């Protein structure tokens, strides 16, 4: 997946999560379909079309989510550790 597609899927995921009515209070399949629709809507708005399946978006998000969890764990460890130079 190229950089533009990665940015667009992240944008679509956030868009669906920030929907005050639906948010993530929906069945997983419906949630993924909403992201799929938003992804393709954003691609069209940008003047292009990238064909992705719900499954390919799900797989990509799993990879991104895993990386975010690693980052979050590292950040938490740094924030909870002692201040540098302090005892």
Protein backbone atom coordinates (compact mmCIF):
# COMPACT_ATOMS: atom_id res chain seq x y z
CA UNK A 1 0.00 0.00 0.00
CA UNK A 2 1.48 3.35 -0.97
CA UNK A 3 1.83 6.36 1.34
CA UNK A 4 -1.27 8.10 -0.01
CA UNK A 5 -3.43 5.00 0.59
CA UNK A 6 -2.02 4.61 4.10
CA UNK A 7 -2.89 8.21 4.91
CA UNK A 8 -6.35 7.81 3.39
CA UNK A 9 -7.21 4.66 5.36
CA UNK A 10 -6.10 6.33 8.60
CA UNK A 11 -8.26 9.34 7.70
CA UNK A 12 -11.25 7.08 6.94
CA UNK A 13 -10.83 5.17 10.21
CA UNK A 14 -10.72 8.37 12.24
CA UNK A 15 -13.69 9.76 10.31
CA UNK A 16 -15.80 6.72 11.22
CA UNK A 17 -14.63 6.72 14.84
CA UNK A 18 -15.47 10.42 15.24
CA UNK A 19 -19.05 9.95 13.99
CA UNK A 20 -20.96 11.05 17.09
CA UNK A 21 -23.94 8.84 16.27
CA UNK A 22 -22.27 5.58 15.22
CA UNK A 23 -18.68 5.79 16.50
CA UNK A 24 -17.50 2.28 17.27
CA UNK A 25 -20.84 1.27 18.82
CA UNK A 26 -21.71 -0.95 15.88
CA UNK A 27 -21.12 -4.51 14.78
CA UNK A 28 -17.61 -5.17 13.52
CA UNK A 29 -18.71 -5.95 9.95
CA UNK A 30 -20.77 -2.76 9.77
CA UNK A 31 -17.85 -0.79 11.24
CA UNK A 32 -15.46 -2.17 8.62
CA UNK A 33 -17.95 -1.51 5.82
CA UNK A 34 -18.23 2.11 7.02
CA UNK A 35 -14.45 2.47 6.86
CA UNK A 36 -14.42 0.89 3.40
CA UNK A 37 -17.04 3.40 2.19
CA UNK A 38 -15.24 6.36 3.77
CA UNK A 39 -11.92 5.22 2.28
CA UNK A 40 -13.33 5.15 -1.24
CA UNK A 41 -15.17 8.46 -0.70
CA UNK A 42 -11.89 10.13 0.31
CA UNK A 43 -10.10 8.58 -2.67
CA UNK A 44 -12.75 10.02 -5.01
CA UNK A 45 -12.49 13.45 -3.35
CA UNK A 46 -8.74 13.40 -3.97
CA UNK A 47 -9.40 12.83 -7.66
CA UNK A 48 -8.32 9.23 -7.78
CA UNK A 49 -9.64 5.76 -7.27
CA UNK A 50 -7.87 3.01 -5.41
CA UNK A 51 -9.67 -0.30 -5.36
CA UNK A 52 -9.33 -2.00 -2.02
CA UNK A 53 -11.42 -4.72 -0.46
CA UNK A 54 -12.71 -4.67 3.10
CA UNK A 55 -10.33 -7.55 3.78
CA UNK A 56 -7.27 -5.68 2.47
CA UNK A 57 -8.15 -2.63 4.57
CA UNK A 58 -8.63 -4.87 7.62
CA UNK A 59 -5.23 -6.49 7.08
CA UNK A 60 -3.54 -3.13 6.67
CA UNK A 61 -5.23 -1.78 9.79
CA UNK A 62 -4.09 -4.81 11.79
CA UNK A 63 -0.48 -4.00 10.87
CA UNK A 64 -0.94 -0.31 11.69
CA UNK A 65 -2.67 -1.13 14.97
CA UNK A 66 0.16 -3.45 16.00
CA UNK A 67 2.73 -0.71 15.31
CA UNK A 68 0.66 1.84 17.28
CA UNK A 69 0.50 -0.52 20.26
CA UNK A 70 4.30 -0.90 20.23
CA UNK A 71 4.68 2.88 20.07
CA UNK A 72 2.14 3.34 22.88
CA UNK A 73 3.95 0.85 25.09
CA UNK A 74 7.28 2.58 24.49
CA UNK A 75 5.77 5.99 25.21
CA UNK A 76 4.14 4.72 28.40
CA UNK A 77 7.46 3.28 29.60
CA UNK A 78 9.25 6.57 28.94
CA UNK A 79 6.54 8.63 30.65
CA UNK A 80 6.47 6.39 33.73
CA UNK A 81 10.24 6.13 34.07
CA UNK A 82 12.40 8.45 36.12
CA UNK A 83 13.28 11.86 34.71
CA UNK A 84 16.67 11.76 33.05
CA UNK A 85 19.44 12.77 35.46
CA UNK A 86 17.17 12.41 38.50
CA UNK A 87 17.53 9.75 41.18
